[in-house]
Amino acid sequence: MATDLERHVEAEGRSELVKQVRGMINALGVKYIYFQFVSVTGRIVGKGIPADHWERIAQKGFQLVYGSTANLYLDRHGHYIGYGPEASELVGIPDPETFCQLPWDKRLARVFCTCFRNREEREDPGAHLTSDCRGNLRIMHNEFQDKYGGLHMRMGTEPEMMWLKKDENGNLDGGVTKPNCYHIDQFEELRPASLRVIEYAEQMGFDMIQGDHEDAPGQLELNWMFDDVMRNADRLTTYRQICAQVAREQNLIACFMTKPFMSVSASGCHHNVSLWKGGESVINTLHQDPLGGMEDVFSYLEGGENTFMPDPGTDERKPGPIGLMCIGGVVAHLRALTAIGSSTVNSYRRLWDTGFWAPVFSDWGYQNRTCGLRVSAPGRFEYRSVDSMVNPYLMGAALLKAFDDGITNKLDPGEPEERNIYEAIKEGKDVQRLPMSLGEALEALDQDEVIKSAMPGEMYRVFTHYKNDEWERFNHTVTSWDVETYLDYLP
């Protein structure tokens, strides 16, 4: 019986895609390829291999220690997270449709990979590696489409981040700009960085649609067109790589840390989500001839039926039945979802620094930014309990599981809250608060079997080992705050 790895390599049409990549390598003059996948924290890991070996790697793959899915990271007790040194090595198989030239050095290209257990493993040889978050999202989205007759998720993300300066020693020296929200002059101040990011992004398949200066020092949000949940996650990952490269070129810090400064807004990453039937992938050439990568990199889903649209003759703001059930699923699991969307100790600085529109309640509304979820426009909702450090593959999979639970069990989200949630509570509304620390969020996750199922097999063990260690490290660390508060506390 064929293994998952063998079925993936021999999938219909893949051999032709492998040949197309060879044609691009030759035509574009690519000499070296980054074979990359994504770790549990969203970090990009993998290997660099000369392009001469493309066909061999496309067929056989490359090997890397299992622990690379957890950043090969030691916990505070000195134990490797997820996998020890005795573990075997994964096999990374490139997905040729994701091949794309790097615009800042056109001798190089990148390709995303799917990870499998080693062929020589005694148990489940060649099976999907369950700690591969990107591979898991593909599997779960395919299962969701099979279960619901082709119903699929489209996603658009709002990646806030900050451009920070360095001092003469290379250390953080504040933001490039002042914290003036939507200020065009501050936007102009960031023009050298933003235009370079846009230039590179368009050459890597992004349909860039808008951007603005947000209300923290050096804080920028640049948006691209929404798409299939997997392709959008790949683009968000690529966007972070692009920003890191521009920062190197301009001697800046591209900061995706959620909250480097108090008393100003943190960096969120709102997810705008909808479920569709039908539609087709259409190439958006973005004024490029020829394309610097495979057609799939430059394609977007267009058309089809958006099942979140309001029913005719009803409240034009209120989603249709499928949308309402999906909202019901998300609201029911918001506390556990927070562990994935707000996945670091620093994430909760965003929730504690009140007055900056961060969501802290398990409720939904229309244009209500005090709720964890709002219907931002007809046909989609905005999941708000998520920040700039999110792993978009884990988040996409978790939202799919919440949607599935909502549709399967016809979960009713209740009526939308149109009041400021704080005023509603004063008036007697009983609403659950979101977790206010990473530790509390991890406890909520551990009690939620639906959201845990978004991290199958070894994924949940790796994620919780990593994140519980992060929480423990924080709690056993003496900070400058401790010293400043308690040094002369007595007598």
Protein backbone atom coordinates (compact mmCIF):
# COMPACT_ATOMS: atom_id res chain seq x y z
CA MET A 1 0.00 0.00 0.00
CA ALA A 2 1.36 3.43 -0.96
CA THR A 3 2.43 5.80 1.80
CA ASP A 4 1.27 9.42 2.17
CA LEU A 5 4.69 10.50 0.88
CA GLU A 6 4.43 8.29 -2.22
CA ARG A 7 0.91 9.47 -2.99
CA HIS A 8 2.02 13.09 -2.62
CA VAL A 9 4.98 12.67 -4.98
CA GLU A 10 2.93 10.76 -7.54
CA ALA A 11 -0.15 13.00 -7.35
CA GLU A 12 -1.86 13.60 -10.67
CA GLY A 13 -0.28 16.48 -12.58
CA ARG A 14 2.67 16.93 -10.20
CA SER A 15 5.31 15.56 -12.60
CA GLU A 16 4.27 18.16 -15.16
CA LEU A 17 4.60 20.92 -12.53
CA VAL A 18 8.10 19.66 -11.69
CA LYS A 19 9.02 19.99 -15.39
CA GLN A 20 7.54 23.50 -15.52
CA VAL A 21 9.73 24.53 -12.57
CA ARG A 22 12.81 23.27 -14.42
CA GLY A 23 11.83 25.45 -17.35
CA MET A 24 11.53 28.45 -15.05
CA ILE A 25 14.85 27.72 -13.36
CA ASN A 26 16.55 27.77 -16.73
CA ALA A 27 14.66 30.78 -18.12
CA LEU A 28 15.09 32.93 -14.98
CA GLY A 29 18.71 31.96 -14.28
CA VAL A 30 17.95 30.60 -10.79
CA LYS A 31 21.02 29.00 -9.21
CA TYR A 32 19.90 28.21 -5.66
CA ILE A 33 16.60 27.32 -3.99
CA TYR A 34 15.36 27.67 -0.42
CA PHE A 35 13.28 24.58 0.38
CA GLN A 36 11.21 25.90 3.27
CA PHE A 37 8.44 24.90 5.66
CA VAL A 38 6.96 26.54 8.75
CA SER A 39 7.61 25.70 12.41
CA VAL A 40 5.11 25.61 15.25
CA THR A 41 5.73 29.31 16.00
CA GLY A 42 5.42 30.41 12.37
CA ARG A 43 9.18 30.63 11.80
CA ILE A 44 10.43 29.73 8.31
CA VAL A 45 12.90 26.83 8.36
CA GLY A 46 14.38 24.44 5.80
CA LYS A 47 17.42 23.95 3.58
CA GLY A 48 19.16 25.68 0.70
CA ILE A 49 20.02 23.44 -2.27
CA PRO A 50 21.53 24.23 -5.70
CA ALA A 51 18.93 24.38 -8.46
CA ASP A 52 20.87 21.71 -10.40
CA HIS A 53 19.38 19.17 -7.98
CA TRP A 54 15.75 20.23 -8.44
CA GLU A 55 14.47 16.99 -10.00
CA ARG A 56 16.16 14.78 -7.41
CA ILE A 57 14.81 16.77 -4.47
CA ALA A 58 11.36 17.00 -6.07
CA GLN A 59 11.28 13.20 -6.22
CA LYS A 60 13.24 12.11 -3.13
CA GLY A 61 13.01 15.17 -0.88
CA PHE A 62 15.55 16.36 1.68
CA GLN A 63 16.00 15.32 5.30
CA LEU A 64 16.04 17.49 8.41
CA VAL A 65 15.61 16.66 12.10
CA TYR A 66 12.03 16.40 13.35
CA GLY A 67 12.86 19.02 15.98
CA SER A 68 13.11 21.68 13.27
CA THR A 69 9.31 21.87 13.42
CA ALA A 70 9.84 23.23 16.96
CA ASN A 71 12.80 25.47 16.02
CA LEU A 72 15.20 22.84 17.49
CA TYR A 73 14.54 24.58 20.79
CA LEU A 74 15.43 23.54 24.34
CA ASP A 75 12.96 24.02 27.18
CA ARG A 76 14.13 25.57 30.45
CA HIS A 77 15.04 22.12 31.80
CA GLY A 78 17.39 21.46 28.90
CA HIS A 79 15.10 19.06 27.02
CA TYR A 80 14.46 19.42 23.31
CA ILE A 81 10.87 20.45 22.61
CA GLY A 82 8.90 17.88 20.66
CA TYR A 83 11.70 15.56 19.57
CA GLY A 84 14.98 14.54 21.15
CA PRO A 85 18.33 13.82 19.48
CA GLU A 86 17.35 10.15 19.15
CA ALA A 87 14.46 10.99 16.80
CA SER A 88 14.64 10.26 13.10
CA GLU A 89 14.68 12.87 10.33
CA LEU A 90 11.67 14.17 8.44
CA VAL A 91 11.45 14.16 4.66
CA GLY A 92 10.60 17.51 3.06
CA ILE A 93 8.94 17.26 -0.36
CA PRO A 94 8.66 20.50 -2.37
CA ASP A 95 5.27 21.69 -3.64
CA PRO A 96 6.26 22.83 -7.14
CA GLU A 97 3.26 25.12 -7.55
CA THR A 98 4.76 27.41 -4.87
CA PHE A 99 8.08 27.97 -6.67
CA CYS A 100 8.94 31.68 -6.92
CA GLN A 101 12.05 33.71 -7.66
CA LEU A 102 13.32 36.06 -4.93
CA PRO A 103 13.21 39.60 -6.39
CA TRP A 104 16.06 40.95 -4.21
CA ASP A 105 18.50 38.37 -5.61
CA LYS A 106 17.19 36.72 -8.74
CA ARG A 107 19.76 33.95 -8.56
CA LEU A 108 17.62 32.54 -5.73
CA ALA A 109 14.10 31.10 -5.50
CA ARG A 110 11.96 29.59 -2.77
CA VAL A 111 9.51 26.71 -2.69
CA PHE A 112 7.24 25.63 0.17
CA CYS A 113 7.44 21.99 1.23
CA THR A 114 5.24 19.36 2.83
CA CYS A 115 6.80 17.24 5.58
CA PHE A 116 6.56 13.48 6.07
CA ARG A 117 7.84 10.89 8.50
CA ASN A 118 11.02 9.17 7.43
CA ARG A 119 10.71 6.27 4.98
CA GLU A 120 12.61 3.98 7.39
CA GLU A 121 10.47 4.64 10.47
CA ARG A 122 9.17 1.49 12.16
CA GLU A 123 5.80 3.10 12.77
CA ASP A 124 3.91 4.93 10.00
CA PRO A 125 6.85 5.25 7.58
CA GLY A 126 6.25 7.97 5.00
CA ALA A 127 3.11 9.23 6.76
CA HIS A 128 2.23 12.92 6.94
CA LEU A 129 4.24 14.52 9.75
CA THR A 130 1.55 15.77 12.11
CA SER A 131 3.81 18.53 13.46
CA ASP A 132 3.84 20.10 9.97
CA CYS A 133 1.33 22.93 10.46
CA ARG A 134 1.16 23.79 6.76
CA GLY A 135 0.53 20.18 5.76
CA ASN A 136 -2.17 19.91 8.43
CA LEU A 137 -4.01 22.96 7.08
CA ARG A 138 -4.10 21.47 3.57
CA ILE A 139 -5.47 18.16 4.88
CA MET A 140 -8.11 19.81 7.06
CA HIS A 141 -9.25 22.21 4.36
CA ASN A 142 -9.59 19.29 1.91
CA GLU A 143 -11.57 17.31 4.49
CA PHE A 144 -13.83 20.30 5.13
CA GLN A 145 -14.50 20.70 1.39
CA ASP A 146 -15.26 17.00 1.03
CA LYS A 147 -17.66 17.07 3.97
CA TYR A 148 -19.56 20.15 2.81
CA GLY A 149 -19.66 19.62 -0.94
CA GLY A 150 -16.86 21.96 -1.96
CA LEU A 151 -17.52 24.66 0.63
CA HIS A 152 -14.15 26.33 1.16
CA MET A 153 -12.58 29.08 3.25
CA ARG A 154 -11.26 32.33 1.86
CA MET A 155 -9.15 34.54 4.06
CA GLY A 156 -7.81 38.06 4.10
CA THR A 157 -5.39 39.19 6.82
CA GLU A 158 -4.42 42.63 8.13
CA PRO A 159 -0.75 42.34 9.13
CA GLU A 160 0.18 45.27 11.32
CA MET A 161 3.88 45.56 12.15
CA MET A 162 6.37 48.24 13.17
CA TRP A 163 9.42 49.69 11.48
CA LEU A 164 11.93 50.50 14.21
CA LYS A 165 15.28 52.29 14.27
CA LYS A 166 18.65 51.06 15.50
CA ASP A 167 21.11 53.01 17.59
CA GLU A 168 24.85 53.08 16.89
CA ASN A 169 25.19 49.69 18.61
CA GLY A 170 22.42 48.08 16.58
CA ASN A 171 19.93 48.09 19.44
CA LEU A 172 16.29 49.19 19.36
CA ASP A 173 15.95 52.97 19.26
CA GLY A 174 12.21 53.61 18.92
CA GLY A 175 9.99 53.83 15.89
CA VAL A 176 10.89 55.39 12.55
CA THR A 177 7.76 57.58 12.76
CA LYS A 178 5.48 59.19 15.32
CA PRO A 179 2.36 57.38 16.55
CA ASN A 180 -0.08 59.43 14.46
CA CYS A 181 -2.80 57.18 13.07
CA TYR A 182 -3.63 57.49 9.34
CA HIS A 183 -1.24 60.43 9.06
CA ILE A 184 -0.09 60.69 5.46
CA ASP A 185 3.09 62.55 6.42
CA GLN A 186 4.11 59.64 8.68
CA PHE A 187 3.14 57.25 5.90
CA GLU A 188 5.43 59.26 3.62
CA GLU A 189 8.21 58.98 6.19
CA LEU A 190 8.01 55.21 5.75
CA ARG A 191 7.89 55.43 1.94
CA PRO A 192 11.41 54.00 1.35
CA ALA A 193 10.46 50.85 3.26
CA SER A 194 6.83 50.53 2.17
CA LEU A 195 7.43 51.00 -1.54
CA ARG A 196 10.27 48.50 -1.53
CA VAL A 197 8.04 45.99 0.29
CA ILE A 198 5.26 46.54 -2.26
CA GLU A 199 7.70 46.20 -5.16
CA TYR A 200 9.03 42.88 -3.88
CA ALA A 201 5.57 41.62 -2.90
CA GLU A 202 4.10 42.24 -6.35
CA GLN A 203 6.99 40.34 -7.90
CA MET A 204 6.08 37.40 -5.66
CA GLY A 205 2.40 37.22 -6.56
CA PHE A 206 0.77 39.73 -4.21
CA ASP A 207 -2.14 41.85 -5.42
CA MET A 208 -1.45 44.79 -3.09
CA ILE A 209 -4.63 46.79 -2.52
CA GLN A 210 -4.11 49.40 0.22
CA GLY A 211 -2.06 50.51 3.21
CA ASP A 212 -1.90 53.06 6.01
CA HIS A 213 0.12 54.31 8.95
CA GLU A 214 -1.38 52.96 12.18
CA ASP A 215 -1.30 54.49 15.66
CA ALA A 216 1.99 53.24 17.10
CA PRO A 217 5.57 54.34 16.36
CA GLY A 218 6.58 53.14 12.90
CA GLN A 219 3.43 51.03 12.62
CA LEU A 220 2.39 50.12 9.11
CA GLU A 221 -0.36 47.96 7.65
CA LEU A 222 -0.17 46.90 4.01
CA ASN A 223 -2.96 44.73 2.63
CA TRP A 224 -3.32 42.35 -0.30
CA MET A 225 -6.35 40.70 -1.91
CA PHE A 226 -8.02 37.88 0.01
CA ASP A 227 -7.73 34.32 -1.32
CA ASP A 228 -7.84 30.63 -0.47
CA VAL A 229 -6.84 30.13 3.18
CA MET A 230 -3.64 28.23 2.31
CA ARG A 231 -2.40 30.67 -0.31
CA ASN A 232 -3.13 33.58 2.03
CA ALA A 233 -1.13 31.91 4.82
CA ASP A 234 1.75 31.40 2.37
CA ARG A 235 1.57 35.08 1.42
CA LEU A 236 1.57 36.26 5.04
CA THR A 237 4.64 34.08 5.66
CA THR A 238 6.28 35.49 2.51
CA TYR A 239 5.36 39.04 3.55
CA ARG A 240 7.32 38.61 6.76
CA GLN A 241 10.33 37.40 4.77
CA ILE A 242 10.04 40.41 2.47
CA CYS A 243 9.90 42.85 5.40
CA ALA A 244 12.95 41.22 6.99
CA GLN A 245 14.87 41.65 3.73
CA VAL A 246 13.87 45.32 3.36
CA ALA A 247 14.92 45.91 6.97
CA ARG A 248 18.38 44.49 6.18
CA GLU A 249 18.68 46.74 3.15
CA GLN A 250 17.67 49.89 5.05
CA ASN A 251 19.31 49.13 8.43
CA LEU A 252 15.97 49.00 10.23
CA ILE A 253 14.15 46.47 12.40
CA ALA A 254 11.03 44.89 10.89
CA CYS A 255 9.17 44.17 14.13
CA PHE A 256 6.31 41.67 14.27
CA MET A 257 6.40 41.55 18.07
CA THR A 258 2.88 42.22 19.27
CA LYS A 259 3.53 45.05 21.74
CA PRO A 260 7.02 46.53 22.01
CA PHE A 261 5.64 49.78 23.52
CA MET A 262 2.95 50.38 26.15
CA SER A 263 0.38 53.19 25.94
CA VAL A 264 0.15 52.91 22.17
CA SER A 265 -1.61 50.31 20.06
CA ALA A 266 -0.19 46.84 19.63
CA SER A 267 0.14 45.07 16.29
CA GLY A 268 -2.83 42.90 15.46
CA CYS A 269 -3.48 40.62 12.48
CA HIS A 270 -7.23 40.56 12.04
CA HIS A 271 -8.48 37.63 9.94
CA ASN A 272 -11.37 38.39 7.57
CA VAL A 273 -13.08 35.10 6.81
CA SER A 274 -15.84 33.74 4.56
CA LEU A 275 -17.00 30.40 3.15
CA TRP A 276 -17.64 30.01 -0.57
CA LYS A 277 -18.95 27.54 -3.11
CA GLY A 278 -17.53 27.45 -6.62
CA GLY A 279 -15.29 30.06 -8.21
CA GLU A 280 -12.06 29.62 -10.12
CA SER A 281 -8.39 30.50 -9.82
CA VAL A 282 -7.46 33.40 -12.08
CA ILE A 283 -3.91 34.60 -12.76
CA ASN A 284 -3.21 38.18 -11.76
CA THR A 285 -0.02 39.07 -13.62
CA LEU A 286 0.45 42.33 -11.70
CA HIS A 287 2.10 43.92 -14.73
CA GLN A 288 4.82 41.29 -14.89
CA ASP A 289 6.03 39.65 -18.06
CA PRO A 290 7.20 37.00 -17.59
CA LEU A 291 6.02 35.77 -14.21
CA GLY A 292 8.81 35.18 -11.72
CA GLY A 293 7.27 31.96 -10.50
CA MET A 294 4.61 29.32 -11.00
CA GLU A 295 1.09 30.37 -12.03
CA ASP A 296 -0.42 29.28 -8.70
CA VAL A 297 1.71 31.85 -6.85
CA PHE A 298 0.12 34.59 -8.97
CA SER A 299 -3.45 33.24 -8.87
CA TYR A 300 -6.49 34.25 -6.83
CA LEU A 301 -9.89 32.65 -6.35
CA GLU A 302 -12.59 34.71 -8.02
CA GLY A 303 -16.35 34.29 -8.35
CA GLY A 304 -18.56 31.68 -6.77
CA GLU A 305 -21.22 31.97 -4.08
CA ASN A 306 -20.36 33.62 -0.78
CA THR A 307 -22.46 31.70 1.76
CA PHE A 308 -21.95 34.38 4.41
CA MET A 309 -24.01 36.92 2.47
CA PRO A 310 -27.32 37.95 4.11
CA ASP A 311 -30.47 36.20 2.92
CA PRO A 312 -32.64 38.35 0.62
CA GLY A 313 -35.30 40.28 2.50
CA THR A 314 -33.51 40.04 5.86
CA ASP A 315 -31.33 42.45 7.81
CA GLU A 316 -28.72 43.42 5.22
CA ARG A 317 -26.00 43.33 7.85
CA LYS A 318 -26.83 39.88 9.26
CA PRO A 319 -25.02 36.88 7.72
CA GLY A 320 -27.02 34.04 6.23
CA PRO A 321 -27.61 30.75 8.13
CA ILE A 322 -24.18 29.24 7.37
CA GLY A 323 -22.43 32.42 8.43
CA LEU A 324 -24.41 32.62 11.67
CA MET A 325 -23.64 29.00 12.55
CA CYS A 326 -19.94 29.64 11.87
CA ILE A 327 -20.06 32.68 14.14
CA GLY A 328 -21.74 30.45 16.73
CA GLY A 329 -18.86 28.01 16.44
CA VAL A 330 -16.22 30.70 16.84
CA VAL A 331 -17.97 32.37 19.80
CA ALA A 332 -18.33 28.97 21.50
CA HIS A 333 -14.59 28.35 21.19
CA LEU A 334 -13.18 31.87 21.49
CA ARG A 335 -11.30 31.19 24.72
CA ALA A 336 -9.40 28.23 23.26
CA LEU A 337 -8.87 30.02 19.94
CA THR A 338 -7.15 32.82 21.85
CA ALA A 339 -4.25 30.48 22.69
CA ILE A 340 -3.54 30.21 18.96
CA GLY A 341 -4.34 33.77 17.89
CA SER A 342 -2.59 35.37 20.89
CA SER A 343 0.16 32.84 21.29
CA THR A 344 2.92 34.65 23.20
CA VAL A 345 3.36 36.12 26.68
CA ASN A 346 3.68 39.54 25.04
CA SER A 347 0.32 39.07 23.27
CA TYR A 348 -1.50 39.76 26.52
CA ARG A 349 0.09 43.17 26.94
CA ARG A 350 -2.22 44.01 24.03
CA LEU A 351 -5.28 42.90 25.99
CA TRP A 352 -4.28 44.54 29.27
CA ASP A 353 -3.45 47.94 27.78
CA THR A 354 -7.09 49.02 27.61
CA GLY A 355 -8.37 51.80 25.42
CA PHE A 356 -6.66 50.62 22.23
CA TRP A 357 -9.50 48.56 20.72
CA ALA A 358 -8.08 45.14 21.53
CA PRO A 359 -10.92 42.60 21.99
CA VAL A 360 -11.31 41.09 25.45
CA PHE A 361 -14.82 39.53 25.36
CA SER A 362 -16.34 36.38 23.82
CA ASP A 363 -19.08 38.08 21.86
CA TRP A 364 -19.88 39.31 18.36
CA GLY A 365 -21.34 42.41 16.80
CA TYR A 366 -21.35 44.48 13.64
CA GLN A 367 -18.98 47.45 13.80
CA ASN A 368 -18.23 46.62 17.43
CA ARG A 369 -14.48 46.51 18.04
CA THR A 370 -14.85 45.63 21.72
CA CYS A 371 -15.93 42.08 20.74
CA GLY A 372 -13.71 39.21 19.73
CA LEU A 373 -15.52 38.98 16.40
CA ARG A 374 -17.36 41.52 14.28
CA VAL A 375 -19.18 41.50 10.96
CA SER A 376 -17.05 44.12 9.26
CA ALA A 377 -18.94 44.05 5.94
CA PRO A 378 -21.69 41.95 4.31
CA GLY A 379 -20.31 38.55 3.38
CA ARG A 380 -17.44 38.26 5.85
CA PHE A 381 -16.57 38.56 9.49
CA GLU A 382 -13.42 39.81 11.14
CA TYR A 383 -11.83 37.57 13.76
CA ARG A 384 -10.10 40.07 16.05
CA SER A 385 -8.54 38.00 18.84
CA VAL A 386 -5.36 37.48 16.85
CA ASP A 387 -2.11 39.42 16.68
CA SER A 388 0.98 39.91 14.56
CA MET A 389 2.81 36.86 15.97
CA VAL A 390 0.16 34.40 14.78
CA ASN A 391 1.00 31.20 12.94
CA PRO A 392 -1.58 31.55 10.11
CA TYR A 393 -1.62 27.82 9.34
CA LEU A 394 -2.59 26.91 12.92
CA MET A 395 -5.14 29.74 12.99
CA GLY A 396 -6.71 28.71 9.69
CA ALA A 397 -7.03 25.09 10.83
CA ALA A 398 -8.53 26.10 14.19
CA LEU A 399 -11.13 28.36 12.55
CA LEU A 400 -12.08 25.53 10.20
CA LYS A 401 -12.70 23.27 13.20
CA ALA A 402 -14.79 25.96 14.90
CA PHE A 403 -16.80 26.44 11.69
CA ASP A 404 -17.32 22.69 11.38
CA ASP A 405 -18.62 22.49 14.95
CA GLY A 406 -20.93 25.45 14.36
CA ILE A 407 -22.42 24.00 11.16
CA THR A 408 -22.63 20.40 12.42
CA ASN A 409 -24.34 21.35 15.68
CA LYS A 410 -26.23 24.38 14.32
CA LEU A 411 -24.77 26.64 17.01
CA ASP A 412 -26.69 29.86 17.59
CA PRO A 413 -24.43 32.86 18.29
CA GLY A 414 -27.30 34.90 19.78
CA GLU A 415 -28.06 38.43 18.75
CA PRO A 416 -25.23 40.77 17.78
CA GLU A 417 -24.07 43.18 20.46
CA GLU A 418 -24.27 46.73 19.16
CA ARG A 419 -23.42 48.47 22.44
CA ASN A 420 -19.90 49.08 23.66
CA ILE A 421 -19.37 45.79 25.48
CA TYR A 422 -18.26 47.55 28.67
CA GLU A 423 -21.54 49.49 28.75
CA ALA A 424 -23.49 46.31 28.04
CA ILE A 425 -21.88 44.61 31.03
CA LYS A 426 -22.74 47.58 33.25
CA GLU A 427 -26.32 47.15 32.13
CA GLY A 428 -26.32 43.52 33.24
CA LYS A 429 -25.16 41.50 30.24
CA ASP A 430 -23.42 38.25 31.18
CA VAL A 431 -20.51 37.80 28.78
CA GLN A 432 -17.42 35.67 29.11
CA ARG A 433 -14.05 37.37 29.16
CA LEU A 434 -11.23 36.12 26.97
CA PRO A 435 -8.14 34.69 28.69
CA MET A 436 -5.91 37.47 29.95
CA SER A 437 -2.63 35.53 30.08
CA LEU A 438 -0.95 32.87 28.01
CA GLY A 439 -1.26 30.43 30.89
CA GLU A 440 -5.02 30.95 31.13
CA ALA A 441 -5.39 30.60 27.35
CA LEU A 442 -3.44 27.32 27.33
CA GLU A 443 -5.73 25.99 30.07
CA ALA A 444 -8.77 26.92 27.98
CA LEU A 445 -7.25 25.19 24.96
CA ASP A 446 -6.56 22.03 26.93
CA GLN A 447 -10.27 21.81 27.83
CA ASP A 448 -11.54 22.29 24.27
CA GLU A 449 -11.48 19.07 22.24
CA VAL A 450 -12.76 20.78 19.08
CA ILE A 451 -9.90 23.27 18.82
CA LYS A 452 -7.37 20.70 20.00
CA SER A 453 -8.37 18.58 16.99
CA ALA A 454 -6.90 21.32 14.76
CA MET A 455 -3.50 20.16 16.07
CA PRO A 456 -3.61 16.40 15.44
CA GLY A 457 -1.12 13.76 16.48
CA GLU A 458 2.18 15.24 17.63
CA MET A 459 1.22 18.84 16.78
CA TYR A 460 -0.68 19.46 20.04
CA ARG A 461 2.12 17.98 22.12
CA VAL A 462 4.74 20.12 20.36
CA PHE A 463 2.67 23.31 20.55
CA THR A 464 1.76 22.98 24.23
CA HIS A 465 5.29 21.93 25.24
CA TYR A 466 6.67 25.00 23.50
CA LYS A 467 4.07 27.42 24.84
CA ASN A 468 3.91 26.09 28.40
CA ASP A 469 7.69 26.37 28.53
CA GLU A 470 7.41 29.99 27.33
CA TRP A 471 4.88 30.71 30.10
CA GLU A 472 7.05 29.00 32.73
CA ARG A 473 10.16 30.90 31.60
CA PHE A 474 8.29 34.17 31.98
CA ASN A 475 7.04 33.30 35.43
CA HIS A 476 10.45 32.27 36.74
CA THR A 477 12.22 35.39 35.42
CA VAL A 478 12.97 38.46 37.54
CA THR A 479 12.30 41.54 35.39
CA SER A 480 13.21 45.20 35.67
CA TRP A 481 9.63 45.77 36.85
CA ASP A 482 10.20 43.46 39.82
CA VAL A 483 13.33 45.34 40.82
CA GLU A 484 11.79 48.79 40.36
CA THR A 485 8.65 47.84 42.33
CA TYR A 486 10.08 45.77 45.19
CA LEU A 487 13.73 46.74 45.70
CA ASP A 488 12.88 49.25 48.46
CA TYR A 489 9.36 47.95 49.21
CA LEU A 490 10.29 47.42 52.87
CA PRO A 491 10.82 48.50 55.54
